[in-house]
PDB file of N, CA and C in Angstrom:
ATOM      1  N   UNK A   1      86.434  98.245  87.049  1.00  0.00           N
ATOM      2  CA  UNK A   1      87.315  99.102  85.938  1.00  0.00           C
ATOM      3  C   UNK A   1      87.724  98.414  84.762  1.00  0.00           C
ATOM      4  N   UNK A   2      86.906  98.301  83.742  1.00  0.00           N
ATOM      5  CA  UNK A   2      87.172  97.071  82.674  1.00  0.00           C
ATOM      6  C   UNK A   2      88.349  97.901  81.739  1.00  0.00           C
ATOM      7  N   UNK A   3      87.821  98.938  81.535  1.00  0.00           N
ATOM      8  CA  UNK A   3      88.857 100.200  80.726  1.00  0.00           C
ATOM      9  C   UNK A   3      89.794 100.909  81.249  1.00  0.00           C
ATOM     10  N   UNK A   4      90.515 100.584  82.723  1.00  0.00           N
ATOM     11  CA  UNK A   4      91.237 101.122  83.358  1.00  0.00           C
ATOM     12  C   UNK A   4      92.364 100.906  82.887  1.00  0.00           C
ATOM     13  N   UNK A   5      93.321 102.114  82.998  1.00  0.00           N
ATOM     14  CA  UNK A   5      94.254 102.762  82.777  1.00  0.00           C
ATOM     15  C   UNK A   5      95.605 101.632  83.600  1.00  0.00           C
ATOM     16  N   UNK A   6      96.112 101.223  83.493  1.00  0.00           N
ATOM     17  CA  UNK A   6      97.670 100.870  84.258  1.00  0.00           C
ATOM     18  C   UNK A   6      98.539 100.881  84.130  1.00  0.00           C
ATOM     19  N   UNK A   7      98.978 101.456  84.775  1.00  0.00           N
ATOM     20  CA  UNK A   7     100.509 103.004  85.479  1.00  0.00           C
ATOM     21  C   UNK A   7     101.699 101.446  85.905  1.00  0.00           C
ATOM     22  N   UNK A   8     103.065 101.630  85.759  1.00  0.00           N
ATOM     23  CA  UNK A   8     104.035 100.742  86.381  1.00  0.00           C
ATOM     24  C   UNK A   8     104.914 101.490  86.262  1.00  0.00           C
ATOM     25  N   UNK A   9     105.716 101.723  87.381  1.00  0.00           N
ATOM     26  CA  UNK A   9     107.017 102.275  87.441  1.00  0.00           C
ATOM     27  C   UNK A   9     107.663 102.194  88.512  1.00  0.00           C
ATOM     28  N   UNK A  10     109.367 102.184  88.734  1.00  0.00           N
ATOM     29  CA  UNK A  10     109.849 101.655  89.676  1.00  0.00           C
ATOM     30  C   UNK A  10     110.747 103.110  89.887  1.00  0.00           C
ATOM     31  N   UNK A  11     110.689 103.418  91.267  1.00  0.00           N
ATOM     32  CA  UNK A  11     110.786 104.409  92.080  1.00  0.00           C
ATOM     33  C   UNK A  11     112.126 104.000  93.184  1.00  0.00           C
ATOM     34  N   UNK A  12     113.138 104.481  93.442  1.00  0.00           N
ATOM     35  CA  UNK A  12     113.754 104.433  94.509  1.00  0.00           C
ATOM     36  C   UNK A  12     113.059 104.915  96.187  1.00  0.00           C
ATOM     37  N   UNK A  13     113.159 104.216  96.974  1.00  0.00           N
ATOM     38  CA  UNK A  13     112.195 104.493  97.803  1.00  0.00           C
ATOM     39  C   UNK A  13     112.143 105.966  98.386  1.00  0.00           C
ATOM     40  N   UNK A  14     113.617 106.154  98.234  1.00  0.00           N
ATOM     41  CA  UNK A  14     113.725 107.765  98.653  1.00  0.00           C
ATOM     42  C   UNK A  14     112.414 108.647  97.678  1.00  0.00           C
ATOM     43  N   UNK A  15     112.624 108.390  96.297  1.00  0.00           N
ATOM     44  CA  UNK A  15     111.855 109.311  95.618  1.00  0.00           C
ATOM     45  C   UNK A  15     110.269 108.773  95.602  1.00  0.00           C
ATOM     46  N   UNK A  16     110.043 107.675  96.129  1.00  0.00           N
ATOM     47  CA  UNK A  16     108.608 107.550  96.517  1.00  0.00           C
ATOM     48  C   UNK A  16     108.001 107.923  97.386  1.00  0.00           C
ATOM     49  N   UNK A  17     108.610 108.271  98.389  1.00  0.00           N
ATOM     50  CA  UNK A  17     108.339 108.622  99.771  1.00  0.00           C
ATOM     51  C   UNK A  17     108.117 109.824  99.562  1.00  0.00           C
ATOM     52  N   UNK A  18     109.349 110.806  98.447  1.00  0.00           N
ATOM     53  CA  UNK A  18     109.224 112.340  98.277  1.00  0.00           C
ATOM     54  C   UNK A  18     108.000 112.263  97.541  1.00  0.00           C
ATOM     55  N   UNK A  19     107.577 111.401  96.451  1.00  0.00           N
ATOM     56  CA  UNK A  19     106.343 111.559  95.850  1.00  0.00           C
ATOM     57  C   UNK A  19     105.258 111.476  96.612  1.00  0.00           C
ATOM     58  N   UNK A  20     105.200 110.438  97.623  1.00  0.00           N
ATOM     59  CA  UNK A  20     104.087 110.472  98.604  1.00  0.00           C
ATOM     60  C   UNK A  20     104.075 111.553  99.367  1.00  0.00           C
ATOM     61  N   UNK A  21     104.651 112.228  99.840  1.00  0.00           N
ATOM     62  CA  UNK A  21     105.014 113.209 100.519  1.00  0.00           C
ATOM     63  C   UNK A  21     103.821 114.784  99.821  1.00  0.00           C
ATOM     64  N   UNK A  22     104.383 115.025  98.834  1.00  0.00           N
ATOM     65  CA  UNK A  22     103.753 115.733  97.797  1.00  0.00           C
ATOM     66  C   UNK A  22     102.633 115.939  97.359  1.00  0.00           C
ATOM     67  N   UNK A  23     102.221 114.440  96.965  1.00  0.00           N
ATOM     68  CA  UNK A  23     100.859 113.888  97.001  1.00  0.00           C
ATOM     69  C   UNK A  23      99.954 114.106  97.902  1.00  0.00           C
ATOM     70  N   UNK A  24     100.340 113.825  99.279  1.00  0.00           N
ATOM     71  CA  UNK A  24      99.329 114.024 100.734  1.00  0.00           C
ATOM     72  C   UNK A  24      99.205 115.913 100.538  1.00  0.00           C
ATOM     73  N   UNK A  25     100.308 116.682 100.527  1.00  0.00           N
ATOM     74  CA  UNK A  25      99.887 117.886 100.414  1.00  0.00           C
ATOM     75  C   UNK A  25      99.119 118.685  99.410  1.00  0.00           C
ATOM     76  N   UNK A  26      99.509 118.247  98.002  1.00  0.00           N
ATOM     77  CA  UNK A  26      98.767 118.452  97.438  1.00  0.00           C
ATOM     78  C   UNK A  26      96.861 118.022  97.015  1.00  0.00           C
ATOM     79  N   UNK A  27      96.508 117.237  97.839  1.00  0.00           N
ATOM     80  CA  UNK A  27      95.388 116.783  98.522  1.00  0.00           C
ATOM     81  C   UNK A  27      94.916 117.330  99.256  1.00  0.00           C
ATOM     82  N   UNK A  28      95.854 117.510 100.165  1.00  0.00           N
ATOM     83  CA  UNK A  28      95.259 118.266 101.821  1.00  0.00           C
ATOM     84  C   UNK A  28      95.012 119.816 101.444  1.00  0.00           C
ATOM     85  N   UNK A  29      95.791 120.412 100.242  1.00  0.00           N
ATOM     86  CA  UNK A  29      95.321 121.812  99.493  1.00  0.00           C
ATOM     87  C   UNK A  29      93.892 121.740  99.126  1.00  0.00           C
ATOM     88  N   UNK A  30      93.811 120.775  98.247  1.00  0.00           N
ATOM     89  CA  UNK A  30      92.410 120.350  97.228  1.00  0.00           C
ATOM     90  C   UNK A  30      91.502 120.509  97.804  1.00  0.00           C
ATOM     91  N   UNK A  31      91.483 119.367  99.007  1.00  0.00           N
ATOM     92  CA  UNK A  31      90.247 119.051  99.777  1.00  0.00           C
ATOM     93  C   UNK A  31      89.714 120.395 100.176  1.00  0.00           C
ATOM     94  N   UNK A  32      91.078 120.997 101.187  1.00  0.00           N
ATOM     95  CA  UNK A  32      90.479 122.382 101.807  1.00  0.00           C
ATOM     96  C   UNK A  32      90.018 123.285 101.133  1.00  0.00           C
ATOM     97  N   UNK A  33      90.272 123.313  99.356  1.00  0.00           N
ATOM     98  CA  UNK A  33      89.935 123.983  98.781  1.00  0.00           C
ATOM     99  C   UNK A  33      88.332 123.955  98.407  1.00  0.00           C
ATOM    100  N   UNK A  34      87.883 122.565  98.024  1.00  0.00           N
ATOM    101  CA  UNK A  34      86.964 122.273  97.076  1.00  0.00           C
ATOM    102  C   UNK A  34      86.008 122.225  98.617  1.00  0.00           C
ATOM    103  N   UNK A  35      86.397 122.191 100.020  1.00  0.00           N
ATOM    104  CA  UNK A  35      85.252 121.623 101.044  1.00  0.00           C
ATOM    105  C   UNK A  35      84.886 122.713 101.499  1.00  0.00           C
ATOM    106  N   UNK A  36      84.994 123.797 101.396  1.00  0.00           N
ATOM    107  CA  UNK A  36      84.302 125.174 101.378  1.00  0.00           C
ATOM    108  C   UNK A  36      84.019 126.196 100.198  1.00  0.00           C
ATOM    109  N   UNK A  37      84.365 124.695  99.066  1.00  0.00           N
ATOM    110  CA  UNK A  37      83.638 125.693  97.984  1.00  0.00           C
ATOM    111  C   UNK A  37      81.962 125.941  97.835  1.00  0.00           C
ATOM    112  N   UNK A  38      81.125 126.793  97.643  1.00  0.00           N
ATOM    113  CA  UNK A  38      79.767 126.574  97.262  1.00  0.00           C
ATOM    114  C   UNK A  38      79.273 125.193  96.438  1.00  0.00           C
ATOM    115  N   UNK A  39      79.395 124.662  95.732  1.00  0.00           N
ATOM    116  CA  UNK A  39      79.424 123.663  95.203  1.00  0.00           C
ATOM    117  C   UNK A  39      79.137 122.485  96.270  1.00  0.00           C
ATOM    118  N   UNK A  40      80.045 122.470  97.017  1.00  0.00           N
ATOM    119  CA  UNK A  40      80.073 121.218  98.173  1.00  0.00           C
ATOM    120  C   UNK A  40      80.030 121.839  99.528  1.00  0.00           C
ATOM    121  N   UNK A  41      80.056 123.000  99.736  1.00  0.00           N
ATOM    122  CA  UNK A  41      79.355 123.813 100.969  1.00  0.00           C
ATOM    123  C   UNK A  41      78.070 122.930 101.887  1.00  0.00           C
ATOM    124  N   UNK A  42      76.904 123.066 101.414  1.00  0.00           N
ATOM    125  CA  UNK A  42      75.580 122.505 101.728  1.00  0.00           C
ATOM    126  C   UNK A  42      75.384 120.839 102.323  1.00  0.00           C
ATOM    127  N   UNK A  43      76.704 120.733 101.391  1.00  0.00           N
ATOM    128  CA  UNK A  43      76.581 119.066 102.015  1.00  0.00           C
ATOM    129  C   UNK A  43      76.651 118.742 102.703  1.00  0.00           C
ATOM    130  N   UNK A  44      76.156 117.438 103.569  1.00  0.00           N
ATOM    131  CA  UNK A  44      76.897 117.312 105.240  1.00  0.00           C
ATOM    132  C   UNK A  44      78.420 116.878 105.290  1.00  0.00           C
ATOM    133  N   UNK A  45      78.690 116.806 106.263  1.00  0.00           N
ATOM    134  CA  UNK A  45      80.099 116.514 106.273  1.00  0.00           C
ATOM    135  C   UNK A  45      80.404 115.228 106.103  1.00  0.00           C
ATOM    136  N   UNK A  46      79.698 114.263 106.727  1.00  0.00           N
ATOM    137  CA  UNK A  46      79.972 112.424 106.349  1.00  0.00           C
ATOM    138  C   UNK A  46      79.728 112.753 104.808  1.00  0.00           C
ATOM    139  N   UNK A  47      79.390 113.134 104.107  1.00  0.00           N
ATOM    140  CA  UNK A  47      79.310 112.525 102.470  1.00  0.00           C
ATOM    141  C   UNK A  47      79.695 113.666 101.685  1.00  0.00           C
ATOM    142  N   UNK A  48      80.311 114.899 102.138  1.00  0.00           N
ATOM    143  CA  UNK A  48      81.295 115.777 101.295  1.00  0.00           C
ATOM    144  C   UNK A  48      82.568 115.761 100.874  1.00  0.00           C
ATOM    145  N   UNK A  49      83.323 114.803 101.105  1.00  0.00           N
ATOM    146  CA  UNK A  49      84.801 113.978 100.929  1.00  0.00           C
ATOM    147  C   UNK A  49      84.260 112.804  99.873  1.00  0.00           C
ATOM    148  N   UNK A  50      83.059 112.352  99.694  1.00  0.00           N
ATOM    149  CA  UNK A  50      82.948 111.463  98.577  1.00  0.00           C
ATOM    150  C   UNK A  50      82.566 112.046  97.469  1.00  0.00           C
ATOM    151  N   UNK A  51      81.483 113.044  98.163  1.00  0.00           N
ATOM    152  CA  UNK A  51      81.186 114.147  96.661  1.00  0.00           C
ATOM    153  C   UNK A  51      82.024 114.533  96.105  1.00  0.00           C
ATOM    154  N   UNK A  52      82.803 115.310  96.770  1.00  0.00           N
ATOM    155  CA  UNK A  52      84.068 115.648  96.334  1.00  0.00           C
ATOM    156  C   UNK A  52      84.742 114.942  95.611  1.00  0.00           C
ATOM    157  N   UNK A  53      85.076 113.924  95.489  1.00  0.00           N
ATOM    158  CA  UNK A  53      86.109 113.179  94.871  1.00  0.00           C
ATOM    159  C   UNK A  53      85.489 112.782  93.682  1.00  0.00           C
ATOM    160  N   UNK A  54      84.132 112.733  93.657  1.00  0.00           N
ATOM    161  CA  UNK A  54      83.309 111.791  92.439  1.00  0.00           C
ATOM    162  C   UNK A  54      82.844 113.081  91.762  1.00  0.00           C
ATOM    163  N   UNK A  55      83.218 114.434  92.065  1.00  0.00           N
ATOM    164  CA  UNK A  55      83.523 115.390  91.053  1.00  0.00           C
ATOM    165  C   UNK A  55      84.655 116.026  91.127  1.00  0.00           C
ATOM    166  N   UNK A  56      85.619 115.884  91.196  1.00  0.00           N
ATOM    167  CA  UNK A  56      86.954 116.033  91.219  1.00  0.00           C
ATOM    168  C   UNK A  56      88.039 114.965  90.568  1.00  0.00           C
ATOM    169  N   UNK A  57      87.819 114.134  89.354  1.00  0.00           N
ATOM    170  CA  UNK A  57      88.655 113.348  89.354  1.00  0.00           C
ATOM    171  C   UNK A  57      90.410 113.017  89.248  1.00  0.00           C
ATOM    172  N   UNK A  58      90.457 114.289  89.524  1.00  0.00           N
ATOM    173  CA  UNK A  58      92.127 114.628  89.936  1.00  0.00           C
ATOM    174  C   UNK A  58      92.207 113.857  91.656  1.00  0.00           C
ATOM    175  N   UNK A  59      91.613 114.247  92.136  1.00  0.00           N
ATOM    176  CA  UNK A  59      91.684 113.479  93.763  1.00  0.00           C
ATOM    177  C   UNK A  59      90.701 112.478  93.810  1.00  0.00           C
ATOM    178  N   UNK A  60      90.382 112.016  92.728  1.00  0.00           N
ATOM    179  CA  UNK A  60      90.073 110.519  93.114  1.00  0.00           C
ATOM    180  C   UNK A  60      91.493 109.836  92.522  1.00  0.00           C
ATOM    181  N   UNK A  61      92.118 110.484  91.937  1.00  0.00           N
ATOM    182  CA  UNK A  61      93.387 109.236  91.097  1.00  0.00           C
ATOM    183  C   UNK A  61      94.911 109.730  92.091  1.00  0.00           C
ATOM    184  N   UNK A  62      94.223 111.342  93.003  1.00  0.00           N
ATOM    185  CA  UNK A  62      95.402 111.058  93.574  1.00  0.00           C
ATOM    186  C   UNK A  62      95.732 109.926  94.755  1.00  0.00           C
ATOM    187  N   UNK A  63      94.468 109.672  95.250  1.00  0.00           N
ATOM    188  CA  UNK A  63      93.908 108.851  96.406  1.00  0.00           C
ATOM    189  C   UNK A  63      93.948 107.929  96.327  1.00  0.00           C
ATOM    190  N   UNK A  64      93.836 106.965  94.875  1.00  0.00           N
ATOM    191  CA  UNK A  64      94.750 105.946  94.671  1.00  0.00           C
ATOM    192  C   UNK A  64      96.101 105.606  94.223  1.00  0.00           C
ATOM    193  N   UNK A  65      96.560 107.218  93.554  1.00  0.00           N
ATOM    194  CA  UNK A  65      97.903 106.876  93.981  1.00  0.00           C
ATOM    195  C   UNK A  65      98.693 106.625  95.285  1.00  0.00           C
ATOM    196  N   UNK A  66      98.262 107.643  96.017  1.00  0.00           N
ATOM    197  CA  UNK A  66      98.770 107.298  97.534  1.00  0.00           C
ATOM    198  C   UNK A  66      98.368 106.376  98.091  1.00  0.00           C
ATOM    199  N   UNK A  67      97.397 105.181  98.231  1.00  0.00           N
ATOM    200  CA  UNK A  67      97.333 104.177  98.342  1.00  0.00           C
ATOM    201  C   UNK A  67      98.384 103.225  97.829  1.00  0.00           C
ATOM    202  N   UNK A  68      98.562 103.158  96.502  1.00  0.00           N
ATOM    203  CA  UNK A  68      99.540 102.322  95.831  1.00  0.00           C
ATOM    204  C   UNK A  68     100.867 102.624  96.013  1.00  0.00           C
ATOM    205  N   UNK A  69     101.301 103.765  96.598  1.00  0.00           N
ATOM    206  CA  UNK A  69     102.374 103.648  96.967  1.00  0.00           C
ATOM    207  C   UNK A  69     102.724 103.330  98.598  1.00  0.00           C
ATOM    208  N   UNK A  70     101.882 103.662  98.976  1.00  0.00           N
ATOM    209  CA  UNK A  70     102.333 103.469 100.533  1.00  0.00           C
ATOM    210  C   UNK A  70     101.841 102.065 101.039  1.00  0.00           C
ATOM    211  N   UNK A  71     101.305 100.958  99.890  1.00  0.00           N
ATOM    212  CA  UNK A  71     101.196  99.507  99.865  1.00  0.00           C
ATOM    213  C   UNK A  71     102.654  98.996  99.484  1.00  0.00           C
ATOM    214  N   UNK A  72     102.929 100.347  98.473  1.00  0.00           N
ATOM    215  CA  UNK A  72     104.551  99.955  97.701  1.00  0.00           C
ATOM    216  C   UNK A  72     105.724  99.700  98.894  1.00  0.00           C
ATOM    217  N   UNK A  73     105.290 101.203  99.685  1.00  0.00           N
ATOM    218  CA  UNK A  73     106.988 101.558 100.380  1.00  0.00           C
ATOM    219  C   UNK A  73     106.786 100.519 101.953  1.00  0.00           C
ATOM    220  N   UNK A  74     105.284 100.456 102.292  1.00  0.00           N
ATOM    221  CA  UNK A  74     105.100  99.145 103.162  1.00  0.00           C
ATOM    222  C   UNK A  74     106.025  97.866 103.082  1.00  0.00           C
ATOM    223  N   UNK A  75     105.722  97.406 101.785  1.00  0.00           N
ATOM    224  CA  UNK A  75     106.035  96.163 100.890  1.00  0.00           C
ATOM    225  C   UNK A  75     107.581  96.289 100.850  1.00  0.00           C
ATOM    226  N   UNK A  76     108.162  97.115 100.419  1.00  0.00           N
ATOM    227  CA  UNK A  76     110.009  97.133 101.166  1.00  0.00           C
ATOM    228  C   UNK A  76     110.116  97.621 101.715  1.00  0.00           C
ATOM    229  N   UNK A  77     109.789  97.996 103.469  1.00  0.00           N
ATOM    230  CA  UNK A  77     110.369  98.155 104.424  1.00  0.00           C
ATOM    231  C   UNK A  77     110.238  96.942 105.193  1.00  0.00           C
TER     232      UNK A  77
END
């Protein structure tokens, strides 16, 4: 990612945890919505999640942000 956007922030652990919970719920709802959409319904289960992430950039960004938050929260504890 040569032209990647870097976002740096400082959050209290409680806010980071709340954000992570909200992101997980939003991601779960979006995945469920796209999983059964006509565009992805015929893609095999093993490939469908990746296909959704390739076509829905907001979900790919959410996944990266959830991973970064999880890692940061683990290093604080």
